[in-house]
C-alpha atoms as a PDB file:
ATOM      1  CA  UNK A   1      17.635 -50.525  -7.449  1.00  0.00           C
ATOM      2  CA  UNK A   2      16.463 -47.475  -9.340  1.00  0.00           C
ATOM      3  CA  UNK A   3      15.440 -44.046  -7.948  1.00  0.00           C
ATOM      4  CA  UNK A   4      12.803 -41.764  -9.456  1.00  0.00           C
ATOM      5  CA  UNK A   5      11.514 -38.342  -8.433  1.00  0.00           C
ATOM      6  CA  UNK A   6       9.445 -35.629 -10.015  1.00  0.00           C
ATOM      7  CA  UNK A   7       8.762 -32.176  -8.590  1.00  0.00           C
ATOM      8  CA  UNK A   8       5.575 -30.204  -9.085  1.00  0.00           C
ATOM      9  CA  UNK A   9       6.398 -26.655  -8.011  1.00  0.00           C
ATOM     10  CA  UNK A  10       3.146 -24.856  -7.296  1.00  0.00           C
ATOM     11  CA  UNK A  11       2.283 -21.140  -7.007  1.00  0.00           C
ATOM     12  CA  UNK A  12       3.170 -19.347  -3.765  1.00  0.00           C
ATOM     13  CA  UNK A  13      -0.497 -18.990  -2.765  1.00  0.00           C
ATOM     14  CA  UNK A  14      -1.472 -22.529  -3.778  1.00  0.00           C
ATOM     15  CA  UNK A  15      -3.713 -24.346  -1.311  1.00  0.00           C
ATOM     16  CA  UNK A  16      -1.510 -27.300  -0.341  1.00  0.00           C
ATOM     17  CA  UNK A  17      -4.603 -28.870   1.189  1.00  0.00           C
ATOM     18  CA  UNK A  18      -5.470 -29.912  -2.379  1.00  0.00           C
ATOM     19  CA  UNK A  19      -2.280 -32.013  -2.540  1.00  0.00           C
ATOM     20  CA  UNK A  20      -2.845 -33.391   0.956  1.00  0.00           C
ATOM     21  CA  UNK A  21      -6.405 -34.398   0.035  1.00  0.00           C
ATOM     22  CA  UNK A  22      -5.212 -36.006  -3.212  1.00  0.00           C
ATOM     23  CA  UNK A  23      -2.603 -38.097  -1.369  1.00  0.00           C
ATOM     24  CA  UNK A  24      -5.192 -39.121   1.252  1.00  0.00           C
ATOM     25  CA  UNK A  25      -7.519 -40.185  -1.567  1.00  0.00           C
ATOM     26  CA  UNK A  26      -5.089 -42.040  -3.882  1.00  0.00           C
ATOM     27  CA  UNK A  27      -1.920 -42.739  -1.864  1.00  0.00           C
ATOM     28  CA  UNK A  28      -2.980 -46.269  -1.006  1.00  0.00           C
ATOM     29  CA  UNK A  29      -3.112 -47.245  -4.700  1.00  0.00           C
ATOM     30  CA  UNK A  30       0.622 -48.097  -4.707  1.00  0.00           C
ATOM     31  CA  UNK A  31       0.623 -49.891  -1.345  1.00  0.00           C
ATOM     32  CA  UNK A  32       0.886 -53.239  -3.163  1.00  0.00           C
ATOM     33  CA  UNK A  33       2.534 -52.213  -6.470  1.00  0.00           C
ATOM     34  CA  UNK A  34       4.724 -55.019  -7.774  1.00  0.00           C
ATOM     35  CA  UNK A  35       8.332 -53.919  -8.288  1.00  0.00           C
ATOM     36  CA  UNK A  36       8.109 -50.878  -5.973  1.00  0.00           C
ATOM     37  CA  UNK A  37      10.481 -50.772  -3.015  1.00  0.00           C
ATOM     38  CA  UNK A  38       8.862 -47.648  -1.614  1.00  0.00           C
ATOM     39  CA  UNK A  39       7.246 -44.376  -2.583  1.00  0.00           C
ATOM     40  CA  UNK A  40       7.410 -41.468  -0.159  1.00  0.00           C
ATOM     41  CA  UNK A  41       4.680 -38.905  -0.896  1.00  0.00           C
ATOM     42  CA  UNK A  42       6.546 -35.676  -0.150  1.00  0.00           C
ATOM     43  CA  UNK A  43       5.581 -32.010   0.114  1.00  0.00           C
ATOM     44  CA  UNK A  44       7.383 -28.783   0.866  1.00  0.00           C
ATOM     45  CA  UNK A  45       5.440 -25.695   1.898  1.00  0.00           C
ATOM     46  CA  UNK A  46       6.784 -22.218   1.334  1.00  0.00           C
ATOM     47  CA  UNK A  47       8.210 -20.847   4.584  1.00  0.00           C
ATOM     48  CA  UNK A  48       8.196 -24.192   6.414  1.00  0.00           C
ATOM     49  CA  UNK A  49      11.543 -25.830   7.202  1.00  0.00           C
ATOM     50  CA  UNK A  50      13.397 -23.343   5.015  1.00  0.00           C
ATOM     51  CA  UNK A  51      11.452 -24.091   1.836  1.00  0.00           C
ATOM     52  CA  UNK A  52      11.243 -21.255  -0.696  1.00  0.00           C
ATOM     53  CA  UNK A  53       8.460 -23.057  -2.630  1.00  0.00           C
ATOM     54  CA  UNK A  54       5.259 -25.051  -2.459  1.00  0.00           C
ATOM     55  CA  UNK A  55       6.036 -28.401  -3.985  1.00  0.00           C
ATOM     56  CA  UNK A  56       4.751 -31.940  -4.353  1.00  0.00           C
ATOM     57  CA  UNK A  57       7.747 -34.206  -5.001  1.00  0.00           C
ATOM     58  CA  UNK A  58       7.274 -37.973  -4.505  1.00  0.00           C
ATOM     59  CA  UNK A  59      10.456 -40.047  -4.256  1.00  0.00           C
ATOM     60  CA  UNK A  60      10.581 -43.708  -5.312  1.00  0.00           C
ATOM     61  CA  UNK A  61      13.032 -46.577  -4.978  1.00  0.00           C
ATOM     62  CA  UNK A  62      12.185 -49.365  -7.394  1.00  0.00           C
ATOM     63  CA  UNK A  63      13.184 -53.017  -7.095  1.00  0.00           C
ATOM     64  CA  UNK A  64      12.506 -53.563 -10.791  1.00  0.00           C
ATOM     65  CA  UNK A  65      12.566 -51.407 -13.898  1.00  0.00           C
ATOM     66  CA  UNK A  66       9.481 -53.329 -15.059  1.00  0.00           C
ATOM     67  CA  UNK A  67       7.526 -52.097 -12.025  1.00  0.00           C
ATOM     68  CA  UNK A  68       8.636 -48.526 -12.681  1.00  0.00           C
ATOM     69  CA  UNK A  69       7.759 -48.757 -16.362  1.00  0.00           C
ATOM     70  CA  UNK A  70       4.340 -50.240 -15.579  1.00  0.00           C
ATOM     71  CA  UNK A  71       3.737 -47.248 -13.284  1.00  0.00           C
ATOM     72  CA  UNK A  72       4.914 -44.683 -15.855  1.00  0.00           C
ATOM     73  CA  UNK A  73       3.381 -46.226 -18.990  1.00  0.00           C
ATOM     74  CA  UNK A  74       0.552 -48.380 -17.642  1.00  0.00           C
ATOM     75  CA  UNK A  75      -1.817 -45.582 -16.636  1.00  0.00           C
ATOM     76  CA  UNK A  76      -1.089 -44.850 -12.962  1.00  0.00           C
ATOM     77  CA  UNK A  77       1.203 -41.883 -13.722  1.00  0.00           C
ATOM     78  CA  UNK A  78      -1.342 -40.517 -16.225  1.00  0.00           C
ATOM     79  CA  UNK A  79      -3.633 -39.444 -13.369  1.00  0.00           C
ATOM     80  CA  UNK A  80      -0.969 -37.078 -12.060  1.00  0.00           C
ATOM     81  CA  UNK A  81      -0.284 -35.816 -15.600  1.00  0.00           C
ATOM     82  CA  UNK A  82      -4.002 -35.168 -16.108  1.00  0.00           C
ATOM     83  CA  UNK A  83      -4.246 -33.210 -12.822  1.00  0.00           C
ATOM     84  CA  UNK A  84      -0.973 -31.238 -12.880  1.00  0.00           C
ATOM     85  CA  UNK A  85       0.670 -31.578 -16.298  1.00  0.00           C
ATOM     86  CA  UNK A  86       3.615 -33.794 -17.226  1.00  0.00           C
ATOM     87  CA  UNK A  87       6.601 -33.171 -14.948  1.00  0.00           C
ATOM     88  CA  UNK A  88      10.219 -33.980 -15.661  1.00  0.00           C
ATOM     89  CA  UNK A  89      10.772 -37.358 -13.994  1.00  0.00           C
ATOM     90  CA  UNK A  90      14.383 -37.609 -12.793  1.00  0.00           C
ATOM     91  CA  UNK A  91      15.983 -41.063 -12.619  1.00  0.00           C
ATOM     92  CA  UNK A  92      19.115 -42.235 -10.842  1.00  0.00           C
ATOM     93  CA  UNK A  93      20.924 -45.585 -10.719  1.00  0.00           C
ATOM     94  CA  UNK A  94      21.089 -46.951  -7.195  1.00  0.00           C
ATOM     95  CA  UNK A  95      24.389 -46.830  -5.319  1.00  0.00           C
ATOM     96  CA  UNK A  96      23.397 -47.814  -1.769  1.00  0.00           C
ATOM     97  CA  UNK A  97      20.440 -48.514   0.497  1.00  0.00           C
ATOM     98  CA  UNK A  98      20.367 -49.009   4.254  1.00  0.00           C
ATOM     99  CA  UNK A  99      17.649 -49.402   6.853  1.00  0.00           C
ATOM    100  CA  UNK A 100      18.107 -46.856   9.624  1.00  0.00           C
ATOM    101  CA  UNK A 101      18.262 -46.871  13.401  1.00  0.00           C
ATOM    102  CA  UNK A 102      14.521 -46.038  13.461  1.00  0.00           C
ATOM    103  CA  UNK A 103      13.594 -48.523  10.711  1.00  0.00           C
ATOM    104  CA  UNK A 104      10.349 -49.532  12.391  1.00  0.00           C
ATOM    105  CA  UNK A 105       9.137 -45.973  12.976  1.00  0.00           C
ATOM    106  CA  UNK A 106       6.780 -43.898  10.858  1.00  0.00           C
ATOM    107  CA  UNK A 107       8.636 -41.498   8.553  1.00  0.00           C
ATOM    108  CA  UNK A 108       7.599 -37.889   9.191  1.00  0.00           C
ATOM    109  CA  UNK A 109      10.255 -36.044   7.182  1.00  0.00           C
ATOM    110  CA  UNK A 110      12.644 -36.633   4.297  1.00  0.00           C
ATOM    111  CA  UNK A 111      15.920 -34.954   3.392  1.00  0.00           C
ATOM    112  CA  UNK A 112      17.175 -34.886  -0.184  1.00  0.00           C
ATOM    113  CA  UNK A 113      20.539 -33.472  -1.149  1.00  0.00           C
ATOM    114  CA  UNK A 114      21.703 -33.339  -4.748  1.00  0.00           C
ATOM    115  CA  UNK A 115      25.298 -32.578  -5.643  1.00  0.00           C
ATOM    116  CA  UNK A 116      27.251 -32.555  -8.888  1.00  0.00           C
ATOM    117  CA  UNK A 117      29.922 -35.142  -9.594  1.00  0.00           C
ATOM    118  CA  UNK A 118      32.974 -32.912 -10.142  1.00  0.00           C
ATOM    119  CA  UNK A 119      34.771 -33.054 -13.476  1.00  0.00           C
ATOM    120  CA  UNK A 120      37.958 -35.040 -13.137  1.00  0.00           C
ATOM    121  CA  UNK A 121      36.727 -36.891 -10.027  1.00  0.00           C
ATOM    122  CA  UNK A 122      37.932 -40.456  -9.571  1.00  0.00           C
ATOM    123  CA  UNK A 123      34.523 -42.135  -9.929  1.00  0.00           C
ATOM    124  CA  UNK A 124      35.057 -45.347  -7.980  1.00  0.00           C
ATOM    125  CA  UNK A 125      36.314 -43.426  -4.947  1.00  0.00           C
ATOM    126  CA  UNK A 126      33.507 -40.879  -5.099  1.00  0.00           C
ATOM    127  CA  UNK A 127      30.855 -43.592  -5.358  1.00  0.00           C
ATOM    128  CA  UNK A 128      32.441 -45.508  -2.472  1.00  0.00           C
ATOM    129  CA  UNK A 129      32.259 -42.274  -0.427  1.00  0.00           C
ATOM    130  CA  UNK A 130      28.530 -42.033  -1.231  1.00  0.00           C
ATOM    131  CA  UNK A 131      28.035 -45.598   0.025  1.00  0.00           C
ATOM    132  CA  UNK A 132      29.893 -44.781   3.260  1.00  0.00           C
ATOM    133  CA  UNK A 133      27.818 -41.616   3.712  1.00  0.00           C
ATOM    134  CA  UNK A 134      24.628 -43.639   3.295  1.00  0.00           C
ATOM    135  CA  UNK A 135      25.808 -46.055   5.985  1.00  0.00           C
ATOM    136  CA  UNK A 136      26.707 -43.161   8.349  1.00  0.00           C
ATOM    137  CA  UNK A 137      23.369 -41.441   7.758  1.00  0.00           C
ATOM    138  CA  UNK A 138      21.442 -44.673   8.393  1.00  0.00           C
ATOM    139  CA  UNK A 139      23.151 -45.059  11.772  1.00  0.00           C
ATOM    140  CA  UNK A 140      21.257 -42.032  13.125  1.00  0.00           C
ATOM    141  CA  UNK A 141      18.674 -42.739  15.842  1.00  0.00           C
ATOM    142  CA  UNK A 142      15.917 -40.906  13.936  1.00  0.00           C
ATOM    143  CA  UNK A 143      16.694 -42.342  10.480  1.00  0.00           C
ATOM    144  CA  UNK A 144      14.115 -44.706   9.001  1.00  0.00           C
ATOM    145  CA  UNK A 145      16.168 -45.418   5.861  1.00  0.00           C
ATOM    146  CA  UNK A 146      18.893 -43.874   3.707  1.00  0.00           C
ATOM    147  CA  UNK A 147      19.840 -44.219   0.048  1.00  0.00           C
ATOM    148  CA  UNK A 148      22.238 -42.812  -2.534  1.00  0.00           C
ATOM    149  CA  UNK A 149      21.988 -42.856  -6.314  1.00  0.00           C
ATOM    150  CA  UNK A 150      23.652 -41.259  -9.340  1.00  0.00           C
ATOM    151  CA  UNK A 151      22.381 -39.721 -12.589  1.00  0.00           C
ATOM    152  CA  UNK A 152      25.049 -40.407 -15.214  1.00  0.00           C
ATOM    153  CA  UNK A 153      23.442 -38.089 -17.789  1.00  0.00           C
ATOM    154  CA  UNK A 154      23.773 -35.025 -15.557  1.00  0.00           C
ATOM    155  CA  UNK A 155      26.540 -36.484 -13.364  1.00  0.00           C
ATOM    156  CA  UNK A 156      24.664 -35.792 -10.173  1.00  0.00           C
ATOM    157  CA  UNK A 157      24.547 -37.668  -6.867  1.00  0.00           C
ATOM    158  CA  UNK A 158      21.397 -37.736  -4.786  1.00  0.00           C
ATOM    159  CA  UNK A 159      21.426 -38.556  -1.075  1.00  0.00           C
ATOM    160  CA  UNK A 160      18.009 -39.339   0.401  1.00  0.00           C
ATOM    161  CA  UNK A 161      16.828 -40.221   3.890  1.00  0.00           C
ATOM    162  CA  UNK A 162      13.550 -40.620   5.707  1.00  0.00           C
ATOM    163  CA  UNK A 163      13.362 -39.404   9.304  1.00  0.00           C
ATOM    164  CA  UNK A 164      11.078 -40.006  12.243  1.00  0.00           C
ATOM    165  CA  UNK A 165       9.879 -37.272  14.571  1.00  0.00           C
ATOM    166  CA  UNK A 166      11.255 -33.714  14.464  1.00  0.00           C
ATOM    167  CA  UNK A 167      12.305 -31.984  11.262  1.00  0.00           C
ATOM    168  CA  UNK A 168      15.980 -32.738  10.570  1.00  0.00           C
ATOM    169  CA  UNK A 169      18.580 -30.012  10.380  1.00  0.00           C
ATOM    170  CA  UNK A 170      20.740 -31.802   7.818  1.00  0.00           C
ATOM    171  CA  UNK A 171      21.925 -30.033   4.700  1.00  0.00           C
ATOM    172  CA  UNK A 172      19.457 -30.452   1.853  1.00  0.00           C
ATOM    173  CA  UNK A 173      15.802 -29.987   1.005  1.00  0.00           C
ATOM    174  CA  UNK A 174      13.452 -30.988   3.838  1.00  0.00           C
ATOM    175  CA  UNK A 175      10.081 -32.495   2.932  1.00  0.00           C
ATOM    176  CA  UNK A 176       7.106 -33.604   4.979  1.00  0.00           C
ATOM    177  CA  UNK A 177       6.069 -37.212   4.365  1.00  0.00           C
ATOM    178  CA  UNK A 178       2.308 -37.475   3.797  1.00  0.00           C
ATOM    179  CA  UNK A 179       2.177 -41.220   3.121  1.00  0.00           C
ATOM    180  CA  UNK A 180       4.522 -44.057   2.322  1.00  0.00           C
ATOM    181  CA  UNK A 181       3.774 -47.047   0.125  1.00  0.00           C
ATOM    182  CA  UNK A 182       6.397 -49.723   0.743  1.00  0.00           C
ATOM    183  CA  UNK A 183       5.323 -53.050  -0.756  1.00  0.00           C
ATOM    184  CA  UNK A 184       8.874 -54.186  -1.599  1.00  0.00           C
ATOM    185  CA  UNK A 185      10.975 -52.299   0.926  1.00  0.00           C
ATOM    186  CA  UNK A 186      12.047 -55.583   2.534  1.00  0.00           C
ATOM    187  CA  UNK A 187      13.356 -56.721  -0.870  1.00  0.00           C
ATOM    188  CA  UNK A 188      15.474 -53.652  -1.616  1.00  0.00           C
ATOM    189  CA  UNK A 189      19.096 -54.819  -1.692  1.00  0.00           C
ATOM    190  CA  UNK A 190      21.064 -53.560   1.312  1.00  0.00           C
ATOM    191  CA  UNK A 191      24.453 -51.913   1.099  1.00  0.00           C
ATOM    192  CA  UNK A 192      26.461 -51.199  -2.017  1.00  0.00           C
ATOM    193  CA  UNK A 193      24.657 -51.861  -5.309  1.00  0.00           C
ATOM    194  CA  UNK A 194      27.595 -53.093  -7.381  1.00  0.00           C
END
């Protein structure tokens, strides 16, 4: 499992309806993408749910690196680059994935929390803690799914969850989910990824 996210931070007065319309128009194009576990089309709007910015920030979990590479290098990603410029695409190695207590529900919100891996930390213990946190998060009644991953270049953990219904109050960045493409969600490996 491999995680990918890019963030397009837009001007404060940007009409986020443009992003919403774009997702409504093209979001379905990844609904059957081979190698994709899921893509959550995420937005934050300045002043909503504590967001200081307007942002479009899709989050992906990939079943295969080949599927991700075909997306990035095969032309699909180029449409976004042509419309908004080339963003920094962050990548993390998967640590854990769990279906949540509301696995069958529509995801309305997402929470993403990034945290540094402290210097001198005992890595196996810290990664095992991230797996346990993913399991605890997934147990929530409103949780559709939860995942954790690590970037070993920046030594950063990312905790991600999709939520049904009301905006969550968890620590982290809260996003609205505009659409979700999930052609391989049922094939994402559950639990610890090593």
